[in-house]
Structures are given as C-alpha cells and as structure tokens.
Amino acid sequence: MKKYSNLGFTLIEILIVTAIVGIIIAIAVPNYQQYIKEARKSACLSEAKNYSNNVFYILNDESDTSAVPVAPVITACQSITNATGWTLDTWGIIEATAKSPSNARIECDVPNGTPCRILP
C-alpha cells in the first residue's frame, strides 16, 4: 500500500482563504478610493491657498510696487486661475479644480485675505 503525506492544502481550504481575501478586498478598495479622493482634494486646496497667499502678498507689498504675480506652478490641481498681471485694482477670486477622481472646485477670495473654501 502507498502512503500519502499531508503536505498540501485541500481544495476547501484554498476556497475559504480565497473567499476571505475577496471579502477583505471588497471592503478595502472603496475605502482606498475615498482616501485618494480626499487626499487629492486636500493637496489641491493647499496648493491653491499657497498660490493665493503668494498673490496677496505680492500685491500688498509696499516696498516693491513693480512686482507682479507669476503664473501658478500646477502639480496637485488640474487647473488654477492665473493671476499674472493682476493689480490692486483688478484682483479677484482664484479658482482651482482638483485632479480626478476628486474634481473638487476650490475658491480663494484674494481681496478678502485669501480665505479658501471647497465648493459643493
């Protein structure tokens, strides 16, 4: 008679482990996608606020009246309003759009000290 050793996994054990891993993935993937969405929104908010503050300080710098705002360097946002050429008479609101999947819209009110908010 041949003797068989129990060195491997049975089909039932493999199916149970596969089902457990599938359940864990089904729970984790939506949470990860929500995390990525919020992270992109926060990164764009930070970038828009930084650019708005820069524009605000350049326009209100009394020691250098010839300074003008430069174009934004866009990394975390899909788009940011370009304030190049703005003066104290023509400044306005800077709008930004976060990258996908968030696509959140952000608005920074430069004339009022650059408070930024995420629009619904």
PDB file of N, CA and C in Angstrom:
ATOM      1  N   MET A   1       0.817  -1.168   0.000  1.00  0.00           N
ATOM      2  CA  MET A   1       0.000   0.000   0.000  1.00  0.00           C
ATOM      3  C   MET A   1       0.875   1.250   0.000  1.00  0.00           C
ATOM      4  N   LYS A   2       0.384   2.253  -0.734  1.00  0.00           N
ATOM      5  CA  LYS A   2       1.100   3.521  -0.769  1.00  0.00           C
ATOM      6  C   LYS A   2       0.604   4.407   0.363  1.00  0.00           C
ATOM      7  N   LYS A   3       1.530   5.155   0.910  1.00  0.00           N
ATOM      8  CA  LYS A   3       1.176   6.114   1.954  1.00  0.00           C
ATOM      9  C   LYS A   3       1.225   7.509   1.374  1.00  0.00           C
ATOM     10  N   TYR A   4       0.177   8.295   1.592  1.00  0.00           N
ATOM     11  CA  TYR A   4       0.131   9.674   1.115  1.00  0.00           C
ATOM     12  C   TYR A   4       0.412  10.597   2.287  1.00  0.00           C
ATOM     13  N   SER A   5       1.232  11.569   2.032  1.00  0.00           N
ATOM     14  CA  SER A   5       1.525  12.521   3.109  1.00  0.00           C
ATOM     15  C   SER A   5       0.634  13.751   2.948  1.00  0.00           C
ATOM     16  N   ASN A   6       0.348  14.413   4.023  1.00  0.00           N
ATOM     17  CA  ASN A   6      -0.497  15.613   4.020  1.00  0.00           C
ATOM     18  C   ASN A   6       0.385  16.852   3.991  1.00  0.00           C
ATOM     19  N   LEU A   7       0.961  17.141   2.849  1.00  0.00           N
ATOM     20  CA  LEU A   7       1.865  18.274   2.736  1.00  0.00           C
ATOM     21  C   LEU A   7       1.221  19.491   2.086  1.00  0.00           C
ATOM     22  N   GLY A   8       0.092  19.376   1.470  1.00  0.00           N
ATOM     23  CA  GLY A   8      -0.515  20.495   0.760  1.00  0.00           C
ATOM     24  C   GLY A   8      -1.824  20.944   1.383  1.00  0.00           C
ATOM     25  N   PHE A   9      -2.463  21.900   0.702  1.00  0.00           N
ATOM     26  CA  PHE A   9      -3.753  22.401   1.142  1.00  0.00           C
ATOM     27  C   PHE A   9      -4.847  21.674   0.388  1.00  0.00           C
ATOM     28  N   THR A  10      -5.978  21.513   1.029  1.00  0.00           N
ATOM     29  CA  THR A  10      -7.110  20.905   0.337  1.00  0.00           C
ATOM     30  C   THR A  10      -7.829  21.982  -0.471  1.00  0.00           C
ATOM     31  N   LEU A  11      -8.667  21.550  -1.363  1.00  0.00           N
ATOM     32  CA  LEU A  11      -9.416  22.476  -2.196  1.00  0.00           C
ATOM     33  C   LEU A  11     -10.337  23.350  -1.345  1.00  0.00           C
ATOM     34  N   ILE A  12     -10.938  22.807  -0.343  1.00  0.00           N
ATOM     35  CA  ILE A  12     -11.827  23.564   0.550  1.00  0.00           C
ATOM     36  C   ILE A  12     -11.043  24.658   1.263  1.00  0.00           C
ATOM     37  N   GLU A  13      -9.871  24.379   1.766  1.00  0.00           N
ATOM     38  CA  GLU A  13      -9.052  25.380   2.451  1.00  0.00           C
ATOM     39  C   GLU A  13      -8.687  26.528   1.515  1.00  0.00           C
ATOM     40  N   ILE A  14      -8.333  26.210   0.296  1.00  0.00           N
ATOM     41  CA  ILE A  14      -7.978  27.242  -0.680  1.00  0.00           C
ATOM     42  C   ILE A  14      -9.200  28.100  -1.019  1.00  0.00           C
ATOM     43  N   LEU A  15     -10.369  27.476  -1.173  1.00  0.00           N
ATOM     44  CA  LEU A  15     -11.594  28.229  -1.469  1.00  0.00           C
ATOM     45  C   LEU A  15     -11.971  29.158  -0.311  1.00  0.00           C
ATOM     46  N   ILE A  16     -11.815  28.704   0.912  1.00  0.00           N
ATOM     47  CA  ILE A  16     -12.141  29.536   2.073  1.00  0.00           C
ATOM     48  C   ILE A  16     -11.199  30.729   2.157  1.00  0.00           C
ATOM     49  N   VAL A  17      -9.921  30.508   1.968  1.00  0.00           N
ATOM     50  CA  VAL A  17      -8.946  31.606   2.001  1.00  0.00           C
ATOM     51  C   VAL A  17      -9.224  32.591   0.876  1.00  0.00           C
ATOM     52  N   THR A  18      -9.549  32.109  -0.310  1.00  0.00           N
ATOM     53  CA  THR A  18      -9.865  32.978  -1.440  1.00  0.00           C
ATOM     54  C   THR A  18     -11.109  33.813  -1.143  1.00  0.00           C
ATOM     55  N   ALA A  19     -12.111  33.220  -0.533  1.00  0.00           N
ATOM     56  CA  ALA A  19     -13.339  33.953  -0.189  1.00  0.00           C
ATOM     57  C   ALA A  19     -13.039  35.034   0.853  1.00  0.00           C
ATOM     58  N   ILE A  20     -12.235  34.730   1.849  1.00  0.00           N
ATOM     59  CA  ILE A  20     -11.884  35.714   2.878  1.00  0.00           C
ATOM     60  C   ILE A  20     -11.102  36.868   2.269  1.00  0.00           C
ATOM     61  N   VAL A  21     -10.143  36.574   1.405  1.00  0.00           N
ATOM     62  CA  VAL A  21      -9.368  37.624   0.743  1.00  0.00           C
ATOM     63  C   VAL A  21     -10.284  38.478  -0.134  1.00  0.00           C
ATOM     64  N   GLY A  22     -11.234  37.863  -0.815  1.00  0.00           N
ATOM     65  CA  GLY A  22     -12.183  38.611  -1.643  1.00  0.00           C
ATOM     66  C   GLY A  22     -13.037  39.556  -0.813  1.00  0.00           C
ATOM     67  N   ILE A  23     -13.471  39.122   0.349  1.00  0.00           N
ATOM     68  CA  ILE A  23     -14.268  39.985   1.234  1.00  0.00           C
ATOM     69  C   ILE A  23     -13.435  41.155   1.726  1.00  0.00           C
ATOM     70  N   ILE A  24     -12.212  40.893   2.111  1.00  0.00           N
ATOM     71  CA  ILE A  24     -11.319  41.969   2.574  1.00  0.00           C
ATOM     72  C   ILE A  24     -11.079  42.984   1.463  1.00  0.00           C
ATOM     73  N   ILE A  25     -10.868  42.526   0.249  1.00  0.00           N
ATOM     74  CA  ILE A  25     -10.654  43.432  -0.882  1.00  0.00           C
ATOM     75  C   ILE A  25     -11.924  44.237  -1.168  1.00  0.00           C
ATOM     76  N   ALA A  26     -13.083  43.598  -1.072  1.00  0.00           N
ATOM     77  CA  ALA A  26     -14.345  44.307  -1.322  1.00  0.00           C
ATOM     78  C   ALA A  26     -14.571  45.426  -0.309  1.00  0.00           C
ATOM     79  N   ILE A  27     -14.051  45.275   0.888  1.00  0.00           N
ATOM     80  CA  ILE A  27     -14.169  46.325   1.900  1.00  0.00           C
ATOM     81  C   ILE A  27     -13.081  47.377   1.721  1.00  0.00           C
ATOM     82  N   ALA A  28     -11.883  46.964   1.389  1.00  0.00           N
ATOM     83  CA  ALA A  28     -10.736  47.882   1.353  1.00  0.00           C
ATOM     84  C   ALA A  28     -10.719  48.791   0.125  1.00  0.00           C
ATOM     85  N   VAL A  29     -11.100  48.333  -1.033  1.00  0.00           N
ATOM     86  CA  VAL A  29     -10.985  49.119  -2.264  1.00  0.00           C
ATOM     87  C   VAL A  29     -11.821  50.401  -2.221  1.00  0.00           C
ATOM     88  N   PRO A  30     -13.106  50.368  -1.830  1.00  0.00           N
ATOM     89  CA  PRO A  30     -13.859  51.629  -1.759  1.00  0.00           C
ATOM     90  C   PRO A  30     -13.271  52.611  -0.733  1.00  0.00           C
ATOM     91  N   ASN A  31     -12.783  52.094   0.383  1.00  0.00           N
ATOM     92  CA  ASN A  31     -12.165  52.971   1.380  1.00  0.00           C
ATOM     93  C   ASN A  31     -10.893  53.604   0.830  1.00  0.00           C
ATOM     94  N   TYR A  32     -10.121  52.847   0.088  1.00  0.00           N
ATOM     95  CA  TYR A  32      -8.897  53.380  -0.515  1.00  0.00           C
ATOM     96  C   TYR A  32      -9.234  54.444  -1.561  1.00  0.00           C
ATOM     97  N   GLN A  33     -10.264  54.211  -2.358  1.00  0.00           N
ATOM     98  CA  GLN A  33     -10.661  55.192  -3.366  1.00  0.00           C
ATOM     99  C   GLN A  33     -11.134  56.490  -2.719  1.00  0.00           C
ATOM    100  N   GLN A  34     -11.861  56.385  -1.613  1.00  0.00           N
ATOM    101  CA  GLN A  34     -12.302  57.578  -0.891  1.00  0.00           C
ATOM    102  C   GLN A  34     -11.092  58.312  -0.305  1.00  0.00           C
ATOM    103  N   TYR A  35     -10.124  57.573   0.199  1.00  0.00           N
ATOM    104  CA  TYR A  35      -8.902  58.172   0.739  1.00  0.00           C
ATOM    105  C   TYR A  35      -8.159  58.950  -0.352  1.00  0.00           C
ATOM    106  N   ILE A  36      -8.030  58.373  -1.535  1.00  0.00           N
ATOM    107  CA  ILE A  36      -7.348  59.039  -2.651  1.00  0.00           C
ATOM    108  C   ILE A  36      -8.108  60.308  -3.043  1.00  0.00           C
ATOM    109  N   LYS A  37      -9.417  60.243  -3.081  1.00  0.00           N
ATOM    110  CA  LYS A  37     -10.240  61.398  -3.441  1.00  0.00           C
ATOM    111  C   LYS A  37     -10.029  62.546  -2.453  1.00  0.00           C
ATOM    112  N   GLU A  38     -10.064  62.252  -1.161  1.00  0.00           N
ATOM    113  CA  GLU A  38      -9.872  63.274  -0.135  1.00  0.00           C
ATOM    114  C   GLU A  38      -8.443  63.817  -0.147  1.00  0.00           C
ATOM    115  N   ALA A  39      -7.478  62.956  -0.400  1.00  0.00           N
ATOM    116  CA  ALA A  39      -6.079  63.394  -0.441  1.00  0.00           C
ATOM    117  C   ALA A  39      -5.844  64.353  -1.605  1.00  0.00           C
ATOM    118  N   ARG A  40      -6.417  64.060  -2.756  1.00  0.00           N
ATOM    119  CA  ARG A  40      -6.256  64.964  -3.904  1.00  0.00           C
ATOM    120  C   ARG A  40      -6.950  66.294  -3.671  1.00  0.00           C
ATOM    121  N   LYS A  41      -8.102  66.265  -3.017  1.00  0.00           N
ATOM    122  CA  LYS A  41      -8.814  67.499  -2.710  1.00  0.00           C
ATOM    123  C   LYS A  41      -7.998  68.348  -1.733  1.00  0.00           C
ATOM    124  N   SER A  42      -7.440  67.727  -0.713  1.00  0.00           N
ATOM    125  CA  SER A  42      -6.642  68.456   0.277  1.00  0.00           C
ATOM    126  C   SER A  42      -5.357  69.009  -0.335  1.00  0.00           C
ATOM    127  N   ALA A  43      -4.720  68.232  -1.206  1.00  0.00           N
ATOM    128  CA  ALA A  43      -3.491  68.698  -1.852  1.00  0.00           C
ATOM    129  C   ALA A  43      -3.770  69.901  -2.744  1.00  0.00           C
ATOM    130  N   CYS A  44      -4.865  69.866  -3.474  1.00  0.00           N
ATOM    131  CA  CYS A  44      -5.210  70.995  -4.343  1.00  0.00           C
ATOM    132  C   CYS A  44      -5.601  72.215  -3.517  1.00  0.00           C
ATOM    133  N   LEU A  45      -6.313  72.007  -2.429  1.00  0.00           N
ATOM    134  CA  LEU A  45      -6.666  73.117  -1.547  1.00  0.00           C
ATOM    135  C   LEU A  45      -5.404  73.788  -1.013  1.00  0.00           C
ATOM    136  N   SER A  46      -4.443  73.001  -0.604  1.00  0.00           N
ATOM    137  CA  SER A  46      -3.188  73.544  -0.101  1.00  0.00           C
ATOM    138  C   SER A  46      -2.437  74.321  -1.183  1.00  0.00           C
ATOM    139  N   GLU A  47      -2.406  73.759  -2.387  1.00  0.00           N
ATOM    140  CA  GLU A  47      -1.708  74.423  -3.486  1.00  0.00           C
ATOM    141  C   GLU A  47      -2.399  75.736  -3.870  1.00  0.00           C
ATOM    142  N   ALA A  48      -3.722  75.735  -3.927  1.00  0.00           N
ATOM    143  CA  ALA A  48      -4.465  76.952  -4.273  1.00  0.00           C
ATOM    144  C   ALA A  48      -4.298  78.012  -3.186  1.00  0.00           C
ATOM    145  N   LYS A  49      -4.319  77.595  -1.934  1.00  0.00           N
ATOM    146  CA  LYS A  49      -4.145  78.538  -0.840  1.00  0.00           C
ATOM    147  C   LYS A  49      -2.743  79.145  -0.856  1.00  0.00           C
ATOM    148  N   ASN A  50      -1.752  78.321  -1.121  1.00  0.00           N
ATOM    149  CA  ASN A  50      -0.371  78.801  -1.203  1.00  0.00           C
ATOM    150  C   ASN A  50      -0.224  79.826  -2.325  1.00  0.00           C
ATOM    151  N   TYR A  51      -0.779  79.528  -3.481  1.00  0.00           N
ATOM    152  CA  TYR A  51      -0.688  80.458  -4.607  1.00  0.00           C
ATOM    153  C   TYR A  51      -1.455  81.749  -4.311  1.00  0.00           C
ATOM    154  N   SER A  52      -2.632  81.626  -3.707  1.00  0.00           N
ATOM    155  CA  SER A  52      -3.431  82.811  -3.369  1.00  0.00           C
ATOM    156  C   SER A  52      -2.703  83.697  -2.363  1.00  0.00           C
ATOM    157  N   ASN A  53      -2.090  83.089  -1.362  1.00  0.00           N
ATOM    158  CA  ASN A  53      -1.318  83.865  -0.388  1.00  0.00           C
ATOM    159  C   ASN A  53      -0.149  84.577  -1.058  1.00  0.00           C
ATOM    160  N   ASN A  54       0.508  83.886  -1.975  1.00  0.00           N
ATOM    161  CA  ASN A  54       1.630  84.489  -2.707  1.00  0.00           C
ATOM    162  C   ASN A  54       1.153  85.712  -3.500  1.00  0.00           C
ATOM    163  N   VAL A  55       0.041  85.573  -4.196  1.00  0.00           N
ATOM    164  CA  VAL A  55      -0.519  86.687  -4.967  1.00  0.00           C
ATOM    165  C   VAL A  55      -0.893  87.844  -4.035  1.00  0.00           C
ATOM    166  N   PHE A  56      -1.534  87.517  -2.913  1.00  0.00           N
ATOM    167  CA  PHE A  56      -1.949  88.539  -1.952  1.00  0.00           C
ATOM    168  C   PHE A  56      -0.746  89.318  -1.428  1.00  0.00           C
ATOM    169  N   TYR A  57       0.316  88.614  -1.057  1.00  0.00           N
ATOM    170  CA  TYR A  57       1.495  89.288  -0.508  1.00  0.00           C
ATOM    171  C   TYR A  57       2.231  90.116  -1.556  1.00  0.00           C
ATOM    172  N   ILE A  58       2.292  89.619  -2.776  1.00  0.00           N
ATOM    173  CA  ILE A  58       2.955  90.381  -3.834  1.00  0.00           C
ATOM    174  C   ILE A  58       2.188  91.668  -4.122  1.00  0.00           C
ATOM    175  N   LEU A  59       0.871  91.589  -4.191  1.00  0.00           N
ATOM    176  CA  LEU A  59       0.067  92.778  -4.497  1.00  0.00           C
ATOM    177  C   LEU A  59       0.055  93.790  -3.354  1.00  0.00           C
ATOM    178  N   ASN A  60       0.227  93.331  -2.140  1.00  0.00           N
ATOM    179  CA  ASN A  60       0.193  94.232  -0.987  1.00  0.00           C
ATOM    180  C   ASN A  60       1.574  94.628  -0.480  1.00  0.00           C
ATOM    181  N   ASP A  61       2.616  94.252  -1.196  1.00  0.00           N
ATOM    182  CA  ASP A  61       3.976  94.603  -0.788  1.00  0.00           C
ATOM    183  C   ASP A  61       4.251  96.058  -1.166  1.00  0.00           C
ATOM    184  N   GLU A  62       4.315  96.902  -0.164  1.00  0.00           N
ATOM    185  CA  GLU A  62       4.517  98.326  -0.419  1.00  0.00           C
ATOM    186  C   GLU A  62       5.965  98.664  -0.742  1.00  0.00           C
ATOM    187  N   SER A  63       6.881  97.786  -0.380  1.00  0.00           N
ATOM    188  CA  SER A  63       8.292  98.079  -0.646  1.00  0.00           C
ATOM    189  C   SER A  63       8.670  97.827  -2.097  1.00  0.00           C
ATOM    190  N   ASP A  64       7.905  96.986  -2.807  1.00  0.00           N
ATOM    191  CA  ASP A  64       8.216  96.688  -4.208  1.00  0.00           C
ATOM    192  C   ASP A  64       6.932  96.829  -5.030  1.00  0.00           C
ATOM    193  N   THR A  65       6.685  98.000  -5.522  1.00  0.00           N
ATOM    194  CA  THR A  65       5.447  98.257  -6.270  1.00  0.00           C
ATOM    195  C   THR A  65       5.498  97.730  -7.698  1.00  0.00           C
ATOM    196  N   SER A  66       6.677  97.339  -8.166  1.00  0.00           N
ATOM    197  CA  SER A  66       6.792  96.836  -9.543  1.00  0.00           C
ATOM    198  C   SER A  66       6.564  95.326  -9.628  1.00  0.00           C
ATOM    199  N   ALA A  67       6.464  94.637  -8.493  1.00  0.00           N
ATOM    200  CA  ALA A  67       6.282  93.183  -8.505  1.00  0.00           C
ATOM    201  C   ALA A  67       4.878  92.820  -8.976  1.00  0.00           C
ATOM    202  N   VAL A  68       4.809  91.807  -9.805  1.00  0.00           N
ATOM    203  CA  VAL A  68       3.522  91.292 -10.277  1.00  0.00           C
ATOM    204  C   VAL A  68       3.479  89.785 -10.001  1.00  0.00           C
ATOM    205  N   PRO A  69       2.297  89.247  -9.782  1.00  0.00           N
ATOM    206  CA  PRO A  69       2.189  87.807  -9.540  1.00  0.00           C
ATOM    207  C   PRO A  69       2.662  86.999 -10.743  1.00  0.00           C
ATOM    208  N   VAL A  70       3.213  85.843 -10.457  1.00  0.00           N
ATOM    209  CA  VAL A  70       3.674  84.943 -11.514  1.00  0.00           C
ATOM    210  C   VAL A  70       2.621  83.865 -11.746  1.00  0.00           C
ATOM    211  N   ALA A  71       2.788  83.126 -12.815  1.00  0.00           N
ATOM    212  CA  ALA A  71       1.854  82.045 -13.131  1.00  0.00           C
ATOM    213  C   ALA A  71       1.989  80.931 -12.098  1.00  0.00           C
ATOM    214  N   PRO A  72       0.892  80.243 -11.804  1.00  0.00           N
ATOM    215  CA  PRO A  72       0.958  79.166 -10.808  1.00  0.00           C
ATOM    216  C   PRO A  72       1.714  77.956 -11.346  1.00  0.00           C
ATOM    217  N   VAL A  73       2.403  77.282 -10.458  1.00  0.00           N
ATOM    218  CA  VAL A  73       3.043  76.005 -10.790  1.00  0.00           C
ATOM    219  C   VAL A  73       2.064  74.927 -10.352  1.00  0.00           C
ATOM    220  N   ILE A  74       1.481  74.256 -11.308  1.00  0.00           N
ATOM    221  CA  ILE A  74       0.399  73.313 -11.014  1.00  0.00           C
ATOM    222  C   ILE A  74       0.956  71.900 -10.897  1.00  0.00           C
ATOM    223  N   THR A  75       0.780  71.311  -9.707  1.00  0.00           N
ATOM    224  CA  THR A  75       1.166  69.919  -9.510  1.00  0.00           C
ATOM    225  C   THR A  75       0.006  69.092  -8.966  1.00  0.00           C
ATOM    226  N   ALA A  76      -0.685  69.602  -7.946  1.00  0.00           N
ATOM    227  CA  ALA A  76      -1.759  68.845  -7.308  1.00  0.00           C
ATOM    228  C   ALA A  76      -3.126  69.162  -7.888  1.00  0.00           C
ATOM    229  N   CYS A  77      -3.239  70.267  -8.587  1.00  0.00           N
ATOM    230  CA  CYS A  77      -4.530  70.677  -9.150  1.00  0.00           C
ATOM    231  C   CYS A  77      -4.552  70.434 -10.658  1.00  0.00           C
ATOM    232  N   GLN A  78      -5.738  70.312 -11.179  1.00  0.00           N
ATOM    233  CA  GLN A  78      -5.908  70.202 -12.624  1.00  0.00           C
ATOM    234  C   GLN A  78      -5.759  71.581 -13.251  1.00  0.00           C
ATOM    235  N   SER A  79      -6.290  72.610 -12.568  1.00  0.00           N
ATOM    236  CA  SER A  79      -6.175  73.972 -13.077  1.00  0.00           C
ATOM    237  C   SER A  79      -6.275  74.956 -11.920  1.00  0.00           C
ATOM    238  N   ILE A  80      -5.602  76.097 -12.073  1.00  0.00           N
ATOM    239  CA  ILE A  80      -5.666  77.201 -11.120  1.00  0.00           C
ATOM    240  C   ILE A  80      -5.727  78.484 -11.938  1.00  0.00           C
ATOM    241  N   THR A  81      -6.536  79.440 -11.491  1.00  0.00           N
ATOM    242  CA  THR A  81      -6.632  80.734 -12.160  1.00  0.00           C
ATOM    243  C   THR A  81      -5.257  81.393 -12.185  1.00  0.00           C
ATOM    244  N   ASN A  82      -4.869  81.889 -13.351  1.00  0.00           N
ATOM    245  CA  ASN A  82      -3.582  82.557 -13.500  1.00  0.00           C
ATOM    246  C   ASN A  82      -3.754  84.033 -13.142  1.00  0.00           C
ATOM    247  N   ALA A  83      -3.012  84.477 -12.129  1.00  0.00           N
ATOM    248  CA  ALA A  83      -3.133  85.858 -11.652  1.00  0.00           C
ATOM    249  C   ALA A  83      -2.033  86.755 -12.205  1.00  0.00           C
ATOM    250  N   THR A  84      -1.346  86.315 -13.231  1.00  0.00           N
ATOM    251  CA  THR A  84      -0.298  87.131 -13.822  1.00  0.00           C
ATOM    252  C   THR A  84      -0.905  88.426 -14.350  1.00  0.00           C
ATOM    253  N   GLY A  85      -0.318  89.528 -13.965  1.00  0.00           N
ATOM    254  CA  GLY A  85      -0.798  90.816 -14.429  1.00  0.00           C
ATOM    255  C   GLY A  85      -1.854  91.454 -13.553  1.00  0.00           C
ATOM    256  N   TRP A  86      -2.275  90.794 -12.483  1.00  0.00           N
ATOM    257  CA  TRP A  86      -3.252  91.390 -11.584  1.00  0.00           C
ATOM    258  C   TRP A  86      -2.629  92.563 -10.843  1.00  0.00           C
ATOM    259  N   THR A  87      -3.438  93.545 -10.556  1.00  0.00           N
ATOM    260  CA  THR A  87      -3.028  94.676  -9.723  1.00  0.00           C
ATOM    261  C   THR A  87      -4.053  94.815  -8.597  1.00  0.00           C
ATOM    262  N   LEU A  88      -3.829  95.787  -7.716  1.00  0.00           N
ATOM    263  CA  LEU A  88      -4.792  96.000  -6.636  1.00  0.00           C
ATOM    264  C   LEU A  88      -6.157  96.415  -7.167  1.00  0.00           C
ATOM    265  N   ASP A  89      -6.195  96.960  -8.376  1.00  0.00           N
ATOM    266  CA  ASP A  89      -7.466  97.361  -8.971  1.00  0.00           C
ATOM    267  C   ASP A  89      -8.181  96.217  -9.681  1.00  0.00           C
ATOM    268  N   THR A  90      -7.427  95.211 -10.108  1.00  0.00           N
ATOM    269  CA  THR A  90      -8.018  94.153 -10.933  1.00  0.00           C
ATOM    270  C   THR A  90      -8.014  92.776 -10.269  1.00  0.00           C
ATOM    271  N   TRP A  91      -7.576  92.680  -9.029  1.00  0.00           N
ATOM    272  CA  TRP A  91      -7.511  91.351  -8.420  1.00  0.00           C
ATOM    273  C   TRP A  91      -8.892  90.808  -8.151  1.00  0.00           C
ATOM    274  N   GLY A  92      -8.967  89.501  -7.987  1.00  0.00           N
ATOM    275  CA  GLY A  92     -10.279  88.876  -7.816  1.00  0.00           C
ATOM    276  C   GLY A  92     -10.177  87.548  -7.102  1.00  0.00           C
ATOM    277  N   ILE A  93     -10.964  86.614  -7.548  1.00  0.00           N
ATOM    278  CA  ILE A  93     -11.050  85.293  -6.922  1.00  0.00           C
ATOM    279  C   ILE A  93     -10.240  84.294  -7.730  1.00  0.00           C
ATOM    280  N   ILE A  94      -9.472  83.477  -7.027  1.00  0.00           N
ATOM    281  CA  ILE A  94      -8.703  82.404  -7.667  1.00  0.00           C
ATOM    282  C   ILE A  94      -9.498  81.116  -7.514  1.00  0.00           C
ATOM    283  N   GLU A  95      -9.731  80.462  -8.636  1.00  0.00           N
ATOM    284  CA  GLU A  95     -10.459  79.197  -8.633  1.00  0.00           C
ATOM    285  C   GLU A  95      -9.519  78.085  -9.048  1.00  0.00           C
ATOM    286  N   ALA A  96      -9.691  76.928  -8.417  1.00  0.00           N
ATOM    287  CA  ALA A  96      -8.865  75.761  -8.728  1.00  0.00           C
ATOM    288  C   ALA A  96      -9.762  74.540  -8.823  1.00  0.00           C
ATOM    289  N   THR A  97      -9.317  73.558  -9.593  1.00  0.00           N
ATOM    290  CA  THR A  97     -10.026  72.294  -9.731  1.00  0.00           C
ATOM    291  C   THR A  97      -9.054  71.175  -9.403  1.00  0.00           C
ATOM    292  N   ALA A  98      -9.449  70.297  -8.485  1.00  0.00           N
ATOM    293  CA  ALA A  98      -8.598  69.169  -8.099  1.00  0.00           C
ATOM    294  C   ALA A  98      -8.566  68.131  -9.213  1.00  0.00           C
ATOM    295  N   LYS A  99      -7.516  67.339  -9.198  1.00  0.00           N
ATOM    296  CA  LYS A  99      -7.387  66.269 -10.190  1.00  0.00           C
ATOM    297  C   LYS A  99      -8.405  65.170  -9.923  1.00  0.00           C
ATOM    298  N   SER A 100      -8.672  64.412 -10.957  1.00  0.00           N
ATOM    299  CA  SER A 100      -9.600  63.287 -10.872  1.00  0.00           C
ATOM    300  C   SER A 100      -9.036  62.249  -9.900  1.00  0.00           C
ATOM    301  N   PRO A 101      -9.785  61.557  -9.143  1.00  0.00           N
ATOM    302  CA  PRO A 101     -11.221  61.370  -9.161  1.00  0.00           C
ATOM    303  C   PRO A 101     -11.988  62.399  -8.333  1.00  0.00           C
ATOM    304  N   SER A 102     -11.311  63.306  -7.686  1.00  0.00           N
ATOM    305  CA  SER A 102     -11.997  64.255  -6.811  1.00  0.00           C
ATOM    306  C   SER A 102     -12.763  65.309  -7.601  1.00  0.00           C
ATOM    307  N   ASN A 103     -12.077  66.015  -8.496  1.00  0.00           N
ATOM    308  CA  ASN A 103     -12.664  67.098  -9.292  1.00  0.00           C
ATOM    309  C   ASN A 103     -13.351  68.165  -8.434  1.00  0.00           C
ATOM    310  N   ALA A 104     -12.878  68.329  -7.201  1.00  0.00           N
ATOM    311  CA  ALA A 104     -13.449  69.338  -6.309  1.00  0.00           C
ATOM    312  C   ALA A 104     -13.093  70.722  -6.819  1.00  0.00           C
ATOM    313  N   ARG A 105     -14.008  71.670  -6.629  1.00  0.00           N
ATOM    314  CA  ARG A 105     -13.761  73.064  -7.006  1.00  0.00           C
ATOM    315  C   ARG A 105     -13.402  73.844  -5.759  1.00  0.00           C
ATOM    316  N   ILE A 106     -12.358  74.653  -5.860  1.00  0.00           N
ATOM    317  CA  ILE A 106     -11.861  75.429  -4.736  1.00  0.00           C
ATOM    318  C   ILE A 106     -11.851  76.891  -5.139  1.00  0.00           C
ATOM    319  N   GLU A 107     -12.253  77.740  -4.205  1.00  0.00           N
ATOM    320  CA  GLU A 107     -12.321  79.172  -4.470  1.00  0.00           C
ATOM    321  C   GLU A 107     -11.575  79.912  -3.359  1.00  0.00           C
ATOM    322  N   CYS A 108     -10.651  80.807  -3.752  1.00  0.00           N
ATOM    323  CA  CYS A 108      -9.892  81.615  -2.798  1.00  0.00           C
ATOM    324  C   CYS A 108     -10.159  83.088  -3.094  1.00  0.00           C
ATOM    325  N   ASP A 109     -10.656  83.797  -2.114  1.00  0.00           N
ATOM    326  CA  ASP A 109     -11.029  85.205  -2.266  1.00  0.00           C
ATOM    327  C   ASP A 109      -9.831  86.081  -1.895  1.00  0.00           C
ATOM    328  N   VAL A 110      -9.031  86.450  -2.875  1.00  0.00           N
ATOM    329  CA  VAL A 110      -7.793  87.200  -2.640  1.00  0.00           C
ATOM    330  C   VAL A 110      -8.052  88.577  -2.035  1.00  0.00           C
ATOM    331  N   PRO A 111      -9.005  89.369  -2.500  1.00  0.00           N
ATOM    332  CA  PRO A 111      -9.206  90.692  -1.903  1.00  0.00           C
ATOM    333  C   PRO A 111      -9.570  90.665  -0.417  1.00  0.00           C
ATOM    334  N   ASN A 112     -10.132  89.575   0.048  1.00  0.00           N
ATOM    335  CA  ASN A 112     -10.520  89.473   1.458  1.00  0.00           C
ATOM    336  C   ASN A 112      -9.523  88.669   2.287  1.00  0.00           C
ATOM    337  N   GLY A 113      -8.267  88.643   1.893  1.00  0.00           N
ATOM    338  CA  GLY A 113      -7.245  87.955   2.680  1.00  0.00           C
ATOM    339  C   GLY A 113      -7.079  86.496   2.374  1.00  0.00           C
ATOM    340  N   THR A 114      -7.522  86.052   1.230  1.00  0.00           N
ATOM    341  CA  THR A 114      -7.401  84.697   0.692  1.00  0.00           C
ATOM    342  C   THR A 114      -8.009  83.590   1.543  1.00  0.00           C
ATOM    343  N   PRO A 115      -9.211  83.745   2.080  1.00  0.00           N
ATOM    344  CA  PRO A 115      -9.837  82.560   2.676  1.00  0.00           C
ATOM    345  C   PRO A 115     -10.260  81.617   1.553  1.00  0.00           C
ATOM    346  N   CYS A 116      -9.887  80.384   1.668  1.00  0.00           N
ATOM    347  CA  CYS A 116     -10.205  79.401   0.624  1.00  0.00           C
ATOM    348  C   CYS A 116     -11.274  78.459   1.130  1.00  0.00           C
ATOM    349  N   ARG A 117     -12.143  78.036   0.205  1.00  0.00           N
ATOM    350  CA  ARG A 117     -13.187  77.096   0.580  1.00  0.00           C
ATOM    351  C   ARG A 117     -13.423  76.134  -0.568  1.00  0.00           C
ATOM    352  N   ILE A 118     -13.875  74.954  -0.192  1.00  0.00           N
ATOM    353  CA  ILE A 118     -14.224  73.926  -1.174  1.00  0.00           C
ATOM    354  C   ILE A 118     -15.705  74.096  -1.483  1.00  0.00           C
ATOM    355  N   LEU A 119     -15.995  74.271  -2.756  1.00  0.00           N
ATOM    356  CA  LEU A 119     -17.384  74.473  -3.187  1.00  0.00           C
ATOM    357  C   LEU A 119     -18.086  73.128  -3.309  1.00  0.00           C
ATOM    358  N   PRO A 120     -19.388  73.094  -2.995  1.00  0.00           N
ATOM    359  CA  PRO A 120     -20.124  71.821  -3.093  1.00  0.00           C
ATOM    360  C   PRO A 120     -20.321  71.379  -4.533  1.00  0.00           C
TER     361      PRO A 120
END
